[in-house]
């Protein structure tokens, strides 16, 4: 794959993650993060 293709994929992945984080309840996210860090 070319560098440009990797950049496009990276942008798409970041956009999807940002969208998911925006949709997920922040309190749930903090609780989940706390469990993962424990």
PDB file of N, CA and C in Angstrom:
ATOM      1  N   UNK A   1       0.847  -1.207   0.000  1.00  0.00           N
ATOM      2  CA  UNK A   1       0.000   0.000   0.000  1.00  0.00           C
ATOM      3  C   UNK A   1       0.881   1.256   0.000  1.00  0.00           C
ATOM      4  N   UNK A   2       0.350   2.303  -0.568  1.00  0.00           N
ATOM      5  CA  UNK A   2       1.108   3.553  -0.621  1.00  0.00           C
ATOM      6  C   UNK A   2       0.923   4.359   0.650  1.00  0.00           C
ATOM      7  N   UNK A   3       1.787   5.339   0.821  1.00  0.00           N
ATOM      8  CA  UNK A   3       1.709   6.196   2.010  1.00  0.00           C
ATOM      9  C   UNK A   3       0.378   6.933   2.053  1.00  0.00           C
ATOM     10  N   UNK A   4      -0.095   7.372   0.889  1.00  0.00           N
ATOM     11  CA  UNK A   4      -1.363   8.110   0.843  1.00  0.00           C
ATOM     12  C   UNK A   4      -2.515   7.223   1.303  1.00  0.00           C
ATOM     13  N   UNK A   5      -2.493   5.949   0.887  1.00  0.00           N
ATOM     14  CA  UNK A   5      -3.553   5.030   1.310  1.00  0.00           C
ATOM     15  C   UNK A   5      -3.535   4.849   2.822  1.00  0.00           C
ATOM     16  N   UNK A   6      -2.337   4.731   3.396  1.00  0.00           N
ATOM     17  CA  UNK A   6      -2.221   4.596   4.852  1.00  0.00           C
ATOM     18  C   UNK A   6      -2.750   5.843   5.560  1.00  0.00           C
ATOM     19  N   UNK A   7      -2.471   7.014   4.995  1.00  0.00           N
ATOM     20  CA  UNK A   7      -2.946   8.267   5.590  1.00  0.00           C
ATOM     21  C   UNK A   7      -4.467   8.338   5.554  1.00  0.00           C
ATOM     22  N   UNK A   8      -5.059   7.920   4.433  1.00  0.00           N
ATOM     23  CA  UNK A   8      -6.519   7.935   4.306  1.00  0.00           C
ATOM     24  C   UNK A   8      -7.146   7.009   5.336  1.00  0.00           C
ATOM     25  N   UNK A   9      -6.583   5.800   5.472  1.00  0.00           N
ATOM     26  CA  UNK A   9      -7.103   4.838   6.451  1.00  0.00           C
ATOM     27  C   UNK A   9      -6.983   5.398   7.863  1.00  0.00           C
ATOM     28  N   UNK A  10      -5.848   6.024   8.171  1.00  0.00           N
ATOM     29  CA  UNK A  10      -5.638   6.586   9.506  1.00  0.00           C
ATOM     30  C   UNK A  10      -6.666   7.667   9.803  1.00  0.00           C
ATOM     31  N   UNK A  11      -6.942   8.524   8.827  1.00  0.00           N
ATOM     32  CA  UNK A  11      -7.925   9.600   9.018  1.00  0.00           C
ATOM     33  C   UNK A  11      -9.313   9.017   9.257  1.00  0.00           C
ATOM     34  N   UNK A  12      -9.671   7.992   8.487  1.00  0.00           N
ATOM     35  CA  UNK A  12     -10.983   7.357   8.637  1.00  0.00           C
ATOM     36  C   UNK A  12     -11.114   6.723  10.020  1.00  0.00           C
ATOM     37  N   UNK A  13     -10.068   6.019  10.456  1.00  0.00           N
ATOM     38  CA  UNK A  13     -10.100   5.367  11.770  1.00  0.00           C
ATOM     39  C   UNK A  13     -10.253   6.400  12.881  1.00  0.00           C
ATOM     40  N   UNK A  14      -9.490   7.480  12.798  1.00  0.00           N
ATOM     41  CA  UNK A  14      -9.576   8.534  13.817  1.00  0.00           C
ATOM     42  C   UNK A  14     -10.968   9.154  13.828  1.00  0.00           C
ATOM     43  N   UNK A  15     -11.545   9.355  12.644  1.00  0.00           N
ATOM     44  CA  UNK A  15     -12.883   9.945  12.553  1.00  0.00           C
ATOM     45  C   UNK A  15     -13.919   9.025  13.181  1.00  0.00           C
ATOM     46  N   UNK A  16     -13.799   7.720  12.938  1.00  0.00           N
ATOM     47  CA  UNK A  16     -14.745   6.754  13.510  1.00  0.00           C
ATOM     48  C   UNK A  16     -14.622   6.734  15.031  1.00  0.00           C
ATOM     49  N   UNK A  17     -13.384   6.717  15.528  1.00  0.00           N
ATOM     50  CA  UNK A  17     -13.169   6.703  16.979  1.00  0.00           C
ATOM     51  C   UNK A  17     -13.751   7.965  17.614  1.00  0.00           C
ATOM     52  N   UNK A  18     -13.526   9.116  16.982  1.00  0.00           N
ATOM     53  CA  UNK A  18     -14.048  10.378  17.509  1.00  0.00           C
ATOM     54  C   UNK A  18     -15.572  10.351  17.540  1.00  0.00           C
ATOM     55  N   UNK A  19     -16.185   9.784  16.500  1.00  0.00           N
ATOM     56  CA  UNK A  19     -17.646   9.698  16.434  1.00  0.00           C
ATOM     57  C   UNK A  19     -18.180   8.797  17.544  1.00  0.00           C
ATOM     58  N   UNK A  20     -17.520   7.653  17.743  1.00  0.00           N
ATOM     59  CA  UNK A  20     -17.947   6.722  18.794  1.00  0.00           C
ATOM     60  C   UNK A  20     -17.832   7.380  20.168  1.00  0.00           C
ATOM     61  N   UNK A  21     -16.714   8.073  20.404  1.00  0.00           N
ATOM     62  CA  UNK A  21     -16.517   8.735  21.695  1.00  0.00           C
ATOM     63  C   UNK A  21     -17.574   9.812  21.921  1.00  0.00           C
ATOM     64  N   UNK A  22     -17.990  10.476  20.839  1.00  0.00           N
ATOM     65  CA  UNK A  22     -18.996  11.531  20.959  1.00  0.00           C
ATOM     66  C   UNK A  22     -20.363  10.931  21.280  1.00  0.00           C
ATOM     67  N   UNK A  23     -20.613   9.720  20.780  1.00  0.00           N
ATOM     68  CA  UNK A  23     -21.921   9.095  20.983  1.00  0.00           C
ATOM     69  C   UNK A  23     -22.014   8.389  22.338  1.00  0.00           C
ATOM     70  N   UNK A  24     -20.885   7.842  22.795  1.00  0.00           N
ATOM     71  CA  UNK A  24     -20.890   7.093  24.058  1.00  0.00           C
ATOM     72  C   UNK A  24     -21.025   8.042  25.244  1.00  0.00           C
ATOM     73  N   UNK A  25     -21.768   7.594  26.249  1.00  0.00           N
ATOM     74  CA  UNK A  25     -21.929   8.406  27.453  1.00  0.00           C
ATOM     75  C   UNK A  25     -20.567   8.564  28.132  1.00  0.00           C
ATOM     76  N   UNK A  26     -20.219   9.799  28.465  1.00  0.00           N
ATOM     77  CA  UNK A  26     -18.906  10.071  29.046  1.00  0.00           C
ATOM     78  C   UNK A  26     -18.695   9.338  30.368  1.00  0.00           C
ATOM     79  N   UNK A  27     -19.739   9.235  31.172  1.00  0.00           N
ATOM     80  CA  UNK A  27     -19.589   8.556  32.462  1.00  0.00           C
ATOM     81  C   UNK A  27     -19.263   7.079  32.258  1.00  0.00           C
ATOM     82  N   UNK A  28     -19.911   6.472  31.266  1.00  0.00           N
ATOM     83  CA  UNK A  28     -19.651   5.068  30.955  1.00  0.00           C
ATOM     84  C   UNK A  28     -18.208   4.894  30.500  1.00  0.00           C
ATOM     85  N   UNK A  29     -17.738   5.861  29.706  1.00  0.00           N
ATOM     86  CA  UNK A  29     -16.373   5.812  29.178  1.00  0.00           C
ATOM     87  C   UNK A  29     -15.355   5.897  30.316  1.00  0.00           C
ATOM     88  N   UNK A  30     -15.606   6.801  31.259  1.00  0.00           N
ATOM     89  CA  UNK A  30     -14.698   6.965  32.398  1.00  0.00           C
ATOM     90  C   UNK A  30     -14.683   5.695  33.246  1.00  0.00           C
ATOM     91  N   UNK A  31     -15.864   5.103  33.419  1.00  0.00           N
ATOM     92  CA  UNK A  31     -15.966   3.878  34.213  1.00  0.00           C
ATOM     93  C   UNK A  31     -15.191   2.746  33.541  1.00  0.00           C
ATOM     94  N   UNK A  32     -15.342   2.643  32.222  1.00  0.00           N
ATOM     95  CA  UNK A  32     -14.644   1.599  31.465  1.00  0.00           C
ATOM     96  C   UNK A  32     -13.135   1.811  31.529  1.00  0.00           C
ATOM     97  N   UNK A  33     -12.696   3.061  31.374  1.00  0.00           N
ATOM     98  CA  UNK A  33     -11.273   3.379  31.424  1.00  0.00           C
ATOM     99  C   UNK A  33     -10.710   3.026  32.801  1.00  0.00           C
ATOM    100  N   UNK A  34     -11.494   3.296  33.846  1.00  0.00           N
ATOM    101  CA  UNK A  34     -11.053   2.985  35.200  1.00  0.00           C
ATOM    102  C   UNK A  34     -10.848   1.495  35.391  1.00  0.00           C
ATOM    103  N   UNK A  35     -11.744   0.694  34.785  1.00  0.00           N
ATOM    104  CA  UNK A  35     -11.610  -0.757  34.903  1.00  0.00           C
ATOM    105  C   UNK A  35     -10.388  -1.252  34.138  1.00  0.00           C
ATOM    106  N   UNK A  36     -10.135  -0.656  32.977  1.00  0.00           N
ATOM    107  CA  UNK A  36      -8.993  -1.089  32.164  1.00  0.00           C
ATOM    108  C   UNK A  36      -7.674  -0.740  32.844  1.00  0.00           C
ATOM    109  N   UNK A  37      -7.639   0.416  33.537  1.00  0.00           N
ATOM    110  CA  UNK A  37      -6.408   0.853  34.189  1.00  0.00           C
ATOM    111  C   UNK A  37      -6.157   0.098  35.488  1.00  0.00           C
ATOM    112  N   UNK A  38      -7.203  -0.470  36.046  1.00  0.00           N
ATOM    113  CA  UNK A  38      -7.067  -1.163  37.326  1.00  0.00           C
ATOM    114  C   UNK A  38      -6.190  -2.402  37.232  1.00  0.00           C
TER     115      UNK A  38
END
